[in-house]
Amino acid sequence: MVLPKGTWKQSELYQRCCSTYDHEHIMTGPVLGQGQLIGTINFARVGHGPAFNQFDLSRFGAVCTHFSTRLAELRKHSVADSNPYWQSLTPRERQIANLVAQGLTNPEIGAALWISRNTVKQALKRMFRKLEVSSRMEMVLKLRDGLDK
């Protein structure tokens, strides 16, 4: 929001928050998570510093985007780390599980990972035993919190 010249100090935001700390200029940007606003990032300039310009705003937008992205990545890893089924798999089995979740066939998984179709088949058998499932769909449902989206 950009206020008309001369109205900032009369605004409720300035009166209740910014005047106490001598914030003459502020920028507030969104932090998004799972498609919703989960917080904000705020920058302020005190005293008689210059107003934020278009370059400042574009860099600030990049900071907000980066922060939201990193939070999503951290959340994804913490959810995956808390899934005991996901933790029971080896790194290669996790790769295979992600490709199964994408709908790839055994030959396609083999080609993507440079392994034979039979190696994929044997890995899936081991994974099914570990996870106590009998189908690819059951496996994906059990692992869904750890899978790449």
N, C-alpha and C. Protein backbone atom coordinates (compact mmCIF):
# COMPACT_ATOMS: atom_id res chain seq x y z
N MET A 1 0.85 -1.16 0.00
CA MET A 1 0.00 0.00 0.00
C MET A 1 0.91 1.23 0.00
N VAL A 2 0.63 2.13 -0.87
CA VAL A 2 1.36 3.40 -0.91
C VAL A 2 0.35 4.49 -0.55
N LEU A 3 0.65 5.22 0.50
CA LEU A 3 -0.26 6.27 0.95
C LEU A 3 0.01 7.57 0.22
N PRO A 4 -1.02 8.38 0.03
CA PRO A 4 -0.81 9.69 -0.58
C PRO A 4 0.14 10.53 0.28
N LYS A 5 0.89 11.37 -0.37
CA LYS A 5 1.88 12.21 0.31
C LYS A 5 1.22 13.00 1.45
N GLY A 6 1.89 12.97 2.60
CA GLY A 6 1.42 13.74 3.75
C GLY A 6 0.40 13.04 4.63
N THR A 7 0.01 11.80 4.31
CA THR A 7 -1.02 11.12 5.11
C THR A 7 -0.46 10.02 6.02
N TRP A 8 0.80 9.68 5.85
CA TRP A 8 1.41 8.59 6.61
C TRP A 8 1.30 8.81 8.12
N LYS A 9 1.66 9.98 8.58
CA LYS A 9 1.69 10.21 10.03
C LYS A 9 0.30 10.30 10.65
N GLN A 10 -0.73 10.44 9.82
CA GLN A 10 -2.10 10.44 10.33
C GLN A 10 -2.71 9.04 10.29
N SER A 11 -2.03 8.09 9.66
CA SER A 11 -2.60 6.75 9.53
C SER A 11 -2.57 6.01 10.87
N GLU A 12 -3.51 5.08 11.02
CA GLU A 12 -3.59 4.29 12.25
C GLU A 12 -2.34 3.44 12.43
N LEU A 13 -1.80 2.90 11.36
CA LEU A 13 -0.58 2.09 11.44
C LEU A 13 0.58 2.90 12.02
N TYR A 14 0.74 4.11 11.52
CA TYR A 14 1.82 4.95 12.04
C TYR A 14 1.58 5.29 13.50
N GLN A 15 0.36 5.71 13.82
CA GLN A 15 0.03 6.14 15.18
C GLN A 15 0.23 5.01 16.20
N ARG A 16 -0.20 3.81 15.86
CA ARG A 16 -0.16 2.70 16.82
C ARG A 16 1.17 1.95 16.86
N CYS A 17 1.90 1.93 15.77
CA CYS A 17 3.10 1.09 15.71
C CYS A 17 4.38 1.86 15.40
N CYS A 18 4.37 2.54 14.30
CA CYS A 18 5.62 3.05 13.75
C CYS A 18 6.15 4.30 14.45
N SER A 19 5.28 5.12 14.99
CA SER A 19 5.75 6.36 15.61
C SER A 19 6.64 6.08 16.83
N THR A 20 6.35 5.03 17.55
CA THR A 20 7.13 4.67 18.74
C THR A 20 8.59 4.43 18.39
N TYR A 21 8.84 3.85 17.21
CA TYR A 21 10.20 3.46 16.82
C TYR A 21 10.77 4.36 15.74
N ASP A 22 10.09 5.46 15.45
CA ASP A 22 10.54 6.42 14.44
C ASP A 22 10.66 5.77 13.06
N HIS A 23 9.74 4.85 12.75
CA HIS A 23 9.73 4.22 11.43
C HIS A 23 9.04 5.15 10.44
N GLU A 24 9.82 5.74 9.58
CA GLU A 24 9.26 6.66 8.58
C GLU A 24 8.80 5.94 7.33
N HIS A 25 9.44 4.82 6.99
CA HIS A 25 9.09 4.06 5.78
C HIS A 25 9.11 2.58 6.14
N ILE A 26 8.09 1.83 5.70
CA ILE A 26 8.06 0.39 5.96
C ILE A 26 7.66 -0.35 4.69
N MET A 27 8.13 -1.58 4.60
CA MET A 27 7.68 -2.51 3.56
C MET A 27 7.26 -3.78 4.28
N THR A 28 6.13 -4.34 3.90
CA THR A 28 5.65 -5.60 4.45
C THR A 28 5.35 -6.53 3.29
N GLY A 29 5.90 -7.74 3.37
CA GLY A 29 5.68 -8.71 2.30
C GLY A 29 5.21 -10.04 2.85
N PRO A 30 4.57 -10.84 2.00
CA PRO A 30 3.97 -12.10 2.46
C PRO A 30 4.99 -13.23 2.58
N VAL A 31 4.72 -14.11 3.55
CA VAL A 31 5.39 -15.40 3.64
C VAL A 31 4.27 -16.43 3.45
N LEU A 32 4.41 -17.24 2.41
CA LEU A 32 3.36 -18.19 2.06
C LEU A 32 3.77 -19.61 2.41
N GLY A 33 2.80 -20.41 2.79
CA GLY A 33 3.02 -21.82 3.08
C GLY A 33 1.77 -22.59 2.77
N GLN A 34 1.90 -23.63 1.98
CA GLN A 34 0.78 -24.47 1.58
C GLN A 34 -0.37 -23.64 1.00
N GLY A 35 -0.01 -22.65 0.20
CA GLY A 35 -1.00 -21.84 -0.49
C GLY A 35 -1.70 -20.81 0.37
N GLN A 36 -1.19 -20.58 1.58
CA GLN A 36 -1.84 -19.62 2.48
C GLN A 36 -0.81 -18.65 3.04
N LEU A 37 -1.30 -17.49 3.45
CA LEU A 37 -0.45 -16.53 4.14
C LEU A 37 -0.18 -17.06 5.54
N ILE A 38 1.12 -17.27 5.86
CA ILE A 38 1.47 -17.78 7.19
C ILE A 38 2.27 -16.77 8.00
N GLY A 39 2.64 -15.66 7.38
CA GLY A 39 3.39 -14.64 8.10
C GLY A 39 3.78 -13.50 7.18
N THR A 40 4.54 -12.58 7.72
CA THR A 40 5.02 -11.45 6.92
C THR A 40 6.47 -11.16 7.28
N ILE A 41 7.14 -10.51 6.34
CA ILE A 41 8.48 -9.98 6.56
C ILE A 41 8.34 -8.47 6.50
N ASN A 42 8.98 -7.77 7.42
CA ASN A 42 8.85 -6.32 7.48
C ASN A 42 10.22 -5.66 7.50
N PHE A 43 10.38 -4.63 6.70
CA PHE A 43 11.58 -3.80 6.72
C PHE A 43 11.14 -2.38 7.00
N ALA A 44 11.96 -1.66 7.76
CA ALA A 44 11.64 -0.27 8.10
C ALA A 44 12.88 0.60 7.97
N ARG A 45 12.66 1.85 7.65
CA ARG A 45 13.71 2.87 7.67
C ARG A 45 13.31 3.92 8.70
N VAL A 46 14.27 4.28 9.50
CA VAL A 46 13.98 5.24 10.57
C VAL A 46 14.42 6.65 10.19
N GLY A 47 13.86 7.60 10.93
CA GLY A 47 14.27 8.99 10.78
C GLY A 47 13.99 9.55 9.40
N HIS A 48 14.97 10.27 8.89
CA HIS A 48 14.79 10.98 7.63
C HIS A 48 15.41 10.25 6.45
N GLY A 49 15.53 8.94 6.53
CA GLY A 49 16.08 8.16 5.41
C GLY A 49 15.16 8.23 4.20
N PRO A 50 15.67 7.87 3.05
CA PRO A 50 14.85 7.94 1.83
C PRO A 50 13.75 6.88 1.83
N ALA A 51 12.70 7.14 1.11
CA ALA A 51 11.63 6.16 0.95
C ALA A 51 12.17 4.96 0.16
N PHE A 52 11.52 3.82 0.32
CA PHE A 52 11.88 2.66 -0.48
C PHE A 52 11.53 2.94 -1.93
N ASN A 53 12.39 2.52 -2.85
CA ASN A 53 12.13 2.74 -4.27
C ASN A 53 11.76 1.43 -4.96
N GLN A 54 11.55 1.49 -6.25
CA GLN A 54 11.13 0.32 -7.02
C GLN A 54 12.17 -0.80 -6.95
N PHE A 55 13.44 -0.44 -6.97
CA PHE A 55 14.51 -1.44 -6.88
C PHE A 55 14.45 -2.15 -5.52
N ASP A 56 14.25 -1.38 -4.44
CA ASP A 56 14.10 -1.97 -3.11
C ASP A 56 12.92 -2.94 -3.07
N LEU A 57 11.81 -2.52 -3.67
CA LEU A 57 10.61 -3.36 -3.68
C LEU A 57 10.84 -4.66 -4.44
N SER A 58 11.54 -4.59 -5.57
CA SER A 58 11.77 -5.82 -6.34
C SER A 58 12.70 -6.76 -5.59
N ARG A 59 13.73 -6.23 -4.94
CA ARG A 59 14.61 -7.09 -4.14
C ARG A 59 13.85 -7.67 -2.95
N PHE A 60 12.99 -6.88 -2.36
CA PHE A 60 12.19 -7.34 -1.23
C PHE A 60 11.26 -8.47 -1.67
N GLY A 61 10.67 -8.33 -2.84
CA GLY A 61 9.82 -9.40 -3.38
C GLY A 61 10.59 -10.70 -3.54
N ALA A 62 11.85 -10.59 -3.99
CA ALA A 62 12.69 -11.78 -4.14
C ALA A 62 12.99 -12.41 -2.77
N VAL A 63 13.20 -11.58 -1.76
CA VAL A 63 13.46 -12.09 -0.40
C VAL A 63 12.23 -12.85 0.11
N CYS A 64 11.05 -12.29 -0.08
CA CYS A 64 9.82 -12.95 0.37
C CYS A 64 9.63 -14.29 -0.33
N THR A 65 9.85 -14.31 -1.64
CA THR A 65 9.72 -15.55 -2.41
C THR A 65 10.74 -16.58 -1.93
N HIS A 66 11.98 -16.16 -1.76
CA HIS A 66 13.03 -17.07 -1.31
C HIS A 66 12.70 -17.63 0.08
N PHE A 67 12.28 -16.79 0.98
CA PHE A 67 11.96 -17.22 2.34
C PHE A 67 10.82 -18.23 2.33
N SER A 68 9.77 -17.96 1.55
CA SER A 68 8.63 -18.89 1.46
C SER A 68 9.07 -20.23 0.89
N THR A 69 9.93 -20.20 -0.13
CA THR A 69 10.42 -21.43 -0.76
C THR A 69 11.25 -22.24 0.22
N ARG A 70 12.15 -21.58 0.93
CA ARG A 70 13.00 -22.30 1.89
C ARG A 70 12.17 -22.91 3.03
N LEU A 71 11.17 -22.19 3.50
CA LEU A 71 10.30 -22.74 4.54
C LEU A 71 9.58 -23.99 4.04
N ALA A 72 9.12 -23.95 2.79
CA ALA A 72 8.45 -25.12 2.21
C ALA A 72 9.41 -26.31 2.13
N GLU A 73 10.66 -26.05 1.74
CA GLU A 73 11.65 -27.12 1.67
C GLU A 73 11.93 -27.69 3.06
N LEU A 74 12.08 -26.83 4.04
CA LEU A 74 12.33 -27.29 5.41
C LEU A 74 11.16 -28.11 5.94
N ARG A 75 9.96 -27.66 5.64
CA ARG A 75 8.78 -28.38 6.08
C ARG A 75 8.74 -29.76 5.44
N LYS A 76 9.02 -29.81 4.15
CA LYS A 76 9.01 -31.08 3.43
C LYS A 76 9.99 -32.05 4.06
N HIS A 77 11.20 -31.58 4.35
CA HIS A 77 12.21 -32.46 4.94
C HIS A 77 11.83 -32.89 6.35
N SER A 78 11.25 -31.99 7.13
CA SER A 78 10.90 -32.36 8.50
C SER A 78 9.76 -33.37 8.50
N VAL A 79 8.81 -33.23 7.55
CA VAL A 79 7.72 -34.21 7.45
C VAL A 79 8.28 -35.55 7.02
N ALA A 80 9.15 -35.55 6.01
CA ALA A 80 9.75 -36.80 5.54
C ALA A 80 10.57 -37.44 6.65
N ASP A 81 11.32 -36.65 7.39
CA ASP A 81 12.16 -37.18 8.46
C ASP A 81 11.33 -37.80 9.58
N SER A 82 10.09 -37.35 9.75
CA SER A 82 9.26 -37.87 10.82
C SER A 82 8.46 -39.10 10.39
N ASN A 83 8.53 -39.48 9.12
CA ASN A 83 7.81 -40.64 8.62
C ASN A 83 8.70 -41.87 8.81
N PRO A 84 8.37 -42.76 9.77
CA PRO A 84 9.24 -43.91 10.03
C PRO A 84 9.34 -44.85 8.84
N TYR A 85 8.30 -44.92 8.02
CA TYR A 85 8.36 -45.79 6.84
C TYR A 85 9.39 -45.25 5.85
N TRP A 86 9.37 -43.94 5.65
CA TRP A 86 10.32 -43.29 4.74
C TRP A 86 11.75 -43.51 5.24
N GLN A 87 11.94 -43.39 6.55
CA GLN A 87 13.26 -43.56 7.15
C GLN A 87 13.78 -44.98 7.00
N SER A 88 12.89 -45.95 6.89
CA SER A 88 13.33 -47.34 6.78
C SER A 88 13.91 -47.68 5.40
N LEU A 89 13.71 -46.79 4.43
CA LEU A 89 14.19 -47.05 3.07
C LEU A 89 15.60 -46.52 2.86
N THR A 90 16.33 -47.19 1.98
CA THR A 90 17.66 -46.70 1.59
C THR A 90 17.48 -45.52 0.63
N PRO A 91 18.53 -44.74 0.41
CA PRO A 91 18.42 -43.64 -0.57
C PRO A 91 17.96 -44.11 -1.95
N ARG A 92 18.45 -45.26 -2.42
CA ARG A 92 18.04 -45.78 -3.73
C ARG A 92 16.56 -46.17 -3.71
N GLU A 93 16.12 -46.79 -2.62
CA GLU A 93 14.71 -47.16 -2.52
C GLU A 93 13.82 -45.92 -2.49
N ARG A 94 14.29 -44.85 -1.89
CA ARG A 94 13.53 -43.59 -1.90
C ARG A 94 13.41 -43.04 -3.31
N GLN A 95 14.50 -43.14 -4.08
CA GLN A 95 14.44 -42.70 -5.48
C GLN A 95 13.39 -43.51 -6.24
N ILE A 96 13.41 -44.81 -6.04
CA ILE A 96 12.45 -45.69 -6.72
C ILE A 96 11.03 -45.33 -6.29
N ALA A 97 10.82 -45.12 -4.99
CA ALA A 97 9.48 -44.76 -4.49
C ALA A 97 8.98 -43.48 -5.14
N ASN A 98 9.84 -42.49 -5.28
CA ASN A 98 9.43 -41.23 -5.92
C ASN A 98 9.03 -41.47 -7.37
N LEU A 99 9.75 -42.32 -8.07
CA LEU A 99 9.43 -42.59 -9.48
C LEU A 99 8.15 -43.42 -9.59
N VAL A 100 7.93 -44.34 -8.66
CA VAL A 100 6.67 -45.09 -8.64
C VAL A 100 5.51 -44.12 -8.44
N ALA A 101 5.68 -43.17 -7.52
CA ALA A 101 4.62 -42.19 -7.24
C ALA A 101 4.31 -41.32 -8.46
N GLN A 102 5.30 -41.17 -9.35
CA GLN A 102 5.08 -40.40 -10.58
C GLN A 102 4.40 -41.24 -11.65
N GLY A 103 4.20 -42.54 -11.37
CA GLY A 103 3.50 -43.41 -12.31
C GLY A 103 4.39 -44.13 -13.30
N LEU A 104 5.70 -44.14 -13.07
CA LEU A 104 6.60 -44.81 -14.00
C LEU A 104 6.52 -46.33 -13.84
N THR A 105 6.73 -47.03 -14.94
CA THR A 105 6.78 -48.49 -14.93
C THR A 105 8.18 -48.94 -14.52
N ASN A 106 8.33 -50.24 -14.26
CA ASN A 106 9.65 -50.76 -13.89
C ASN A 106 10.70 -50.46 -14.96
N PRO A 107 10.41 -50.71 -16.25
CA PRO A 107 11.42 -50.38 -17.27
C PRO A 107 11.76 -48.88 -17.30
N GLU A 108 10.76 -48.02 -17.10
CA GLU A 108 11.01 -46.58 -17.09
C GLU A 108 11.85 -46.17 -15.88
N ILE A 109 11.57 -46.78 -14.73
CA ILE A 109 12.36 -46.50 -13.53
C ILE A 109 13.80 -46.95 -13.75
N GLY A 110 13.95 -48.15 -14.31
CA GLY A 110 15.29 -48.66 -14.60
C GLY A 110 16.07 -47.73 -15.51
N ALA A 111 15.42 -47.25 -16.55
CA ALA A 111 16.09 -46.33 -17.49
C ALA A 111 16.46 -45.02 -16.80
N ALA A 112 15.57 -44.51 -15.95
CA ALA A 112 15.84 -43.24 -15.27
C ALA A 112 17.00 -43.36 -14.30
N LEU A 113 17.16 -44.53 -13.68
CA LEU A 113 18.20 -44.71 -12.66
C LEU A 113 19.41 -45.50 -13.18
N TRP A 114 19.38 -45.88 -14.44
CA TRP A 114 20.47 -46.65 -15.05
C TRP A 114 20.66 -47.99 -14.36
N ILE A 115 19.54 -48.65 -14.08
CA ILE A 115 19.58 -50.00 -13.51
C ILE A 115 18.64 -50.87 -14.33
N SER A 116 18.75 -52.19 -14.17
CA SER A 116 17.91 -53.08 -14.97
C SER A 116 16.49 -53.14 -14.43
N ARG A 117 15.60 -53.57 -15.29
CA ARG A 117 14.20 -53.74 -14.90
C ARG A 117 14.10 -54.76 -13.75
N ASN A 118 14.93 -55.80 -13.81
CA ASN A 118 14.92 -56.82 -12.77
C ASN A 118 15.40 -56.25 -11.43
N THR A 119 16.39 -55.35 -11.47
CA THR A 119 16.87 -54.71 -10.24
C THR A 119 15.75 -53.89 -9.60
N VAL A 120 14.98 -53.20 -10.43
CA VAL A 120 13.83 -52.43 -9.93
C VAL A 120 12.82 -53.38 -9.28
N LYS A 121 12.55 -54.48 -9.98
CA LYS A 121 11.58 -55.46 -9.48
C LYS A 121 12.01 -56.01 -8.12
N GLN A 122 13.28 -56.37 -7.98
CA GLN A 122 13.79 -56.91 -6.71
C GLN A 122 13.74 -55.85 -5.60
N ALA A 123 14.08 -54.61 -5.95
CA ALA A 123 14.02 -53.52 -4.97
C ALA A 123 12.59 -53.31 -4.48
N LEU A 124 11.64 -53.35 -5.40
CA LEU A 124 10.23 -53.17 -5.01
C LEU A 124 9.77 -54.30 -4.09
N LYS A 125 10.21 -55.53 -4.37
CA LYS A 125 9.86 -56.65 -3.49
C LYS A 125 10.38 -56.40 -2.07
N ARG A 126 11.65 -55.96 -1.97
CA ARG A 126 12.23 -55.65 -0.65
C ARG A 126 11.44 -54.54 0.04
N MET A 127 11.11 -53.51 -0.74
CA MET A 127 10.38 -52.37 -0.19
C MET A 127 9.00 -52.79 0.29
N PHE A 128 8.31 -53.63 -0.48
CA PHE A 128 6.98 -54.10 -0.08
C PHE A 128 7.07 -54.86 1.24
N ARG A 129 8.11 -55.70 1.40
CA ARG A 129 8.28 -56.45 2.65
C ARG A 129 8.54 -55.49 3.82
N LYS A 130 9.46 -54.55 3.61
CA LYS A 130 9.78 -53.58 4.68
C LYS A 130 8.55 -52.81 5.13
N LEU A 131 7.76 -52.40 4.15
CA LEU A 131 6.62 -51.53 4.43
C LEU A 131 5.34 -52.30 4.73
N GLU A 132 5.41 -53.63 4.56
CA GLU A 132 4.24 -54.49 4.78
C GLU A 132 3.06 -54.07 3.92
N VAL A 133 3.34 -53.94 2.62
CA VAL A 133 2.30 -53.60 1.64
C VAL A 133 2.35 -54.63 0.52
N SER A 134 1.30 -54.64 -0.30
CA SER A 134 1.27 -55.61 -1.39
C SER A 134 1.06 -54.96 -2.76
N SER A 135 1.00 -53.64 -2.80
CA SER A 135 0.84 -52.98 -4.10
C SER A 135 1.59 -51.65 -4.13
N ARG A 136 1.81 -51.18 -5.34
CA ARG A 136 2.49 -49.90 -5.52
C ARG A 136 1.67 -48.77 -4.89
N MET A 137 0.35 -48.83 -5.06
CA MET A 137 -0.53 -47.79 -4.51
C MET A 137 -0.46 -47.76 -2.99
N GLU A 138 -0.49 -48.92 -2.35
CA GLU A 138 -0.36 -48.97 -0.89
C GLU A 138 0.96 -48.35 -0.45
N MET A 139 2.02 -48.67 -1.18
CA MET A 139 3.35 -48.14 -0.85
C MET A 139 3.35 -46.61 -0.93
N VAL A 140 2.81 -46.08 -2.01
CA VAL A 140 2.78 -44.62 -2.19
C VAL A 140 1.97 -43.97 -1.08
N LEU A 141 0.84 -44.55 -0.73
CA LEU A 141 0.02 -43.97 0.34
C LEU A 141 0.74 -43.99 1.68
N LYS A 142 1.48 -45.05 1.95
CA LYS A 142 2.21 -45.14 3.22
C LYS A 142 3.36 -44.14 3.28
N LEU A 143 3.93 -43.84 2.12
CA LEU A 143 5.10 -42.96 2.06
C LEU A 143 4.77 -41.53 1.68
N ARG A 144 3.53 -41.20 1.43
CA ARG A 144 3.17 -39.94 0.78
C ARG A 144 3.78 -38.69 1.41
N ASP A 145 4.00 -38.65 2.71
CA ASP A 145 4.57 -37.46 3.34
C ASP A 145 6.03 -37.24 2.98
N GLY A 146 6.72 -38.29 2.56
CA GLY A 146 8.13 -38.14 2.21
C GLY A 146 8.39 -37.99 0.74
N LEU A 147 7.38 -38.20 -0.08
CA LEU A 147 7.57 -38.19 -1.53
C LEU A 147 7.71 -36.78 -2.08
N ASP A 148 8.49 -36.65 -3.15
CA ASP A 148 8.60 -35.37 -3.85
C ASP A 148 7.25 -35.04 -4.45
N LYS A 149 6.85 -33.80 -4.30
CA LYS A 149 5.54 -33.37 -4.83
C LYS A 149 5.71 -32.78 -6.21
